[in-house]
């Protein structure tokens, strides 16, 4: 036998006899490590003449491959034996009582989203979704927001540094209104949708976070007027807060994508030291609280999506889902919604079986 054949036979035999992973690793280092015997043979190839290298290199490479393969095979066998031994020694007594009952809670935001879907489904609305990474046209331009509008400023909007393949400026959507644009361009009217989802703005305090949840509603049909909007919002708020004494007040406002635009205030009263939506807002313990922005869809928006504003009209509204949860369930700070604190979720979270229904109560 040649020297390499003898060395291969000795190493393969030692590898096959290795009793454990530590012994196998020691053999690998002595043969293939930086100072290993096979590594030393490989280093001699550089000093050989081309003829010598052509003669001896194949045998050295064959030695290295055979030893590496033997090590890999032995390692797999040792690992398999170790796993078999572990499986044979470990036992799980299924008759023992559990250390703690597994628990899970529905986050208040998820619960309110389900409540909104249930209420608006009863009013004939479908739920629409869209991408959270939007282009400038869907998020701003199609909504009649000019280049100089403050909503486009960097302190409000998270822009991406580069444009996409179609040379469009990309951003994290600042509202779910782009979903309305996509619905109007993809679905022929009449349209009745709500668009819940995550939105992003550069802001953070007790009532604002860089990421929050918003729901917007859109109706496009013939003969739509402001009275339809008021009735829809009043019906929604009565069902959501589960009170019939809800009183609304519409105040003139301005949004680029609606004309006329109105802010919607809801009356509240103080019950047991806490402000509660409903009751007499003109009483000694009452008042008004802003909850929604809304208005008639601007004719320029209807034109931008390829519809004729002389034939089709509509209304839109929007509000924060997190804020709705705060108002309904008595939370005073928005930031814990996103802290991941299990103590907070155990206190405010909903059981998995608390499924909102109009018959049993959306906040059951």
Foldseek 3Di string as FASTA:
>chain_A
DDPLVVVLVVLLVQLVPQPAPVSLVVSCCCDPNPPHPLVVVVVVLVVDDPVVNVVCVVSSVVSVVSNVVSSVVSVVVRVVVVVVVVVVPDDDDPVDDDPDDDADFAQLLNLLVLLLCQLVVVVVAAEFEDDQKDFCCLQAVLLQHDPPHPCPDVQWWAWDPAADPVRTTITGRAARSSRVLVCLLPPPDQHWYKYKDKGATNDDDQPDDRIFIKIKIKGKAFPDDVVVVVVVVLSSVCQLLVHPQKDKDWAFDDDSFAPRKTWIKIKWFADPNRTATGDDQPDPRMHIDTFKIKHKGDQSSCVSSPHHPVGMIMMMMMGTSLVSSCRRVVNRGSVVSPPPDVVVCVVSTHGPPLRAHSVVGSRD
